[in-house]
């Protein structure tokens, strides 16, 4: 169980880092000349990774219960 809890904590931290980056880093780095394609691609990637990590966390919890 300790290893599973460590994995859950790690994946939760990754989700937090992704969402923080989506809110702070990307808007700061995009200039007016940049197209929205970069932002859309990044946000799609964040969404995919967050979904993957959330699914993995759910599977870990289901395996323990």
C-alpha atoms as a PDB file:
ATOM      1  CA  UNK A   1       0.000   0.000   0.000  1.00  0.00           C
ATOM      2  CA  UNK A   2       2.842   2.444   0.729  1.00  0.00           C
ATOM      3  CA  UNK A   3       4.208   2.111  -2.814  1.00  0.00           C
ATOM      4  CA  UNK A   4       0.737   2.674  -4.237  1.00  0.00           C
ATOM      5  CA  UNK A   5       0.252   5.764  -2.079  1.00  0.00           C
ATOM      6  CA  UNK A   6       3.632   7.077  -3.221  1.00  0.00           C
ATOM      7  CA  UNK A   7       2.644   6.533  -6.857  1.00  0.00           C
ATOM      8  CA  UNK A   8      -0.676   8.280  -6.291  1.00  0.00           C
ATOM      9  CA  UNK A   9       1.080  11.227  -4.662  1.00  0.00           C
ATOM     10  CA  UNK A  10       3.567  11.453  -7.554  1.00  0.00           C
ATOM     11  CA  UNK A  11       0.846  11.393 -10.202  1.00  0.00           C
ATOM     12  CA  UNK A  12      -1.201  13.968  -8.298  1.00  0.00           C
ATOM     13  CA  UNK A  13       1.837  16.249  -8.156  1.00  0.00           C
ATOM     14  CA  UNK A  14       2.315  15.845 -11.923  1.00  0.00           C
ATOM     15  CA  UNK A  15      -1.295  16.896 -12.495  1.00  0.00           C
ATOM     16  CA  UNK A  16      -0.765  19.912 -10.238  1.00  0.00           C
ATOM     17  CA  UNK A  17       2.376  20.901 -12.151  1.00  0.00           C
ATOM     18  CA  UNK A  18       0.609  20.565 -15.490  1.00  0.00           C
ATOM     19  CA  UNK A  19      -2.339  22.676 -14.457  1.00  0.00           C
ATOM     20  CA  UNK A  20      -0.054  25.279 -12.862  1.00  0.00           C
ATOM     21  CA  UNK A  21       1.912  25.506 -16.107  1.00  0.00           C
ATOM     22  CA  UNK A  22      -1.291  25.874 -18.097  1.00  0.00           C
ATOM     23  CA  UNK A  23      -2.334  28.813 -15.904  1.00  0.00           C
ATOM     24  CA  UNK A  24       1.000  30.608 -15.525  1.00  0.00           C
ATOM     25  CA  UNK A  25       3.867  29.665 -17.816  1.00  0.00           C
ATOM     26  CA  UNK A  26       2.124  29.418 -21.168  1.00  0.00           C
ATOM     27  CA  UNK A  27       0.325  32.786 -21.096  1.00  0.00           C
ATOM     28  CA  UNK A  28       3.583  34.479 -20.055  1.00  0.00           C
ATOM     29  CA  UNK A  29       5.566  32.921 -22.906  1.00  0.00           C
ATOM     30  CA  UNK A  30       3.061  33.525 -25.674  1.00  0.00           C
ATOM     31  CA  UNK A  31       3.516  36.799 -27.471  1.00  0.00           C
ATOM     32  CA  UNK A  32       0.919  38.679 -29.444  1.00  0.00           C
ATOM     33  CA  UNK A  33       2.576  37.408 -32.638  1.00  0.00           C
ATOM     34  CA  UNK A  34       2.163  33.756 -31.649  1.00  0.00           C
ATOM     35  CA  UNK A  35      -0.750  31.879 -33.075  1.00  0.00           C
ATOM     36  CA  UNK A  36      -3.289  30.174 -30.893  1.00  0.00           C
ATOM     37  CA  UNK A  37      -2.118  26.827 -32.259  1.00  0.00           C
ATOM     38  CA  UNK A  38       0.691  26.624 -29.689  1.00  0.00           C
ATOM     39  CA  UNK A  39      -1.698  27.271 -26.828  1.00  0.00           C
ATOM     40  CA  UNK A  40      -4.294  24.832 -28.132  1.00  0.00           C
ATOM     41  CA  UNK A  41      -1.673  22.113 -28.612  1.00  0.00           C
ATOM     42  CA  UNK A  42      -0.289  22.638 -25.112  1.00  0.00           C
ATOM     43  CA  UNK A  43      -3.716  22.609 -23.483  1.00  0.00           C
ATOM     44  CA  UNK A  44      -4.684  19.462 -25.396  1.00  0.00           C
ATOM     45  CA  UNK A  45      -1.493  17.823 -24.137  1.00  0.00           C
ATOM     46  CA  UNK A  46      -2.233  18.916 -20.557  1.00  0.00           C
ATOM     47  CA  UNK A  47      -5.745  17.499 -20.813  1.00  0.00           C
ATOM     48  CA  UNK A  48      -4.521  14.169 -22.211  1.00  0.00           C
ATOM     49  CA  UNK A  49      -1.820  13.779 -19.552  1.00  0.00           C
ATOM     50  CA  UNK A  50      -4.156  14.796 -16.729  1.00  0.00           C
ATOM     51  CA  UNK A  51      -6.725  12.251 -17.958  1.00  0.00           C
ATOM     52  CA  UNK A  52      -4.057   9.542 -18.142  1.00  0.00           C
ATOM     53  CA  UNK A  53      -2.726  10.271 -14.656  1.00  0.00           C
ATOM     54  CA  UNK A  54      -6.239  10.466 -13.209  1.00  0.00           C
ATOM     55  CA  UNK A  55      -7.157   7.127 -14.811  1.00  0.00           C
ATOM     56  CA  UNK A  56      -3.983   5.535 -13.396  1.00  0.00           C
ATOM     57  CA  UNK A  57      -4.749   6.900  -9.932  1.00  0.00           C
ATOM     58  CA  UNK A  58      -8.288   5.499 -10.107  1.00  0.00           C
ATOM     59  CA  UNK A  59      -6.964   2.082 -11.160  1.00  0.00           C
ATOM     60  CA  UNK A  60      -4.484   2.092  -8.267  1.00  0.00           C
ATOM     61  CA  UNK A  61      -7.207   2.968  -5.772  1.00  0.00           C
ATOM     62  CA  UNK A  62      -9.527   0.302  -7.220  1.00  0.00           C
ATOM     63  CA  UNK A  63      -6.717  -2.244  -6.879  1.00  0.00           C
ATOM     64  CA  UNK A  64      -6.385  -1.486  -3.173  1.00  0.00           C
ATOM     65  CA  UNK A  65     -10.093  -1.463  -2.334  1.00  0.00           C
END
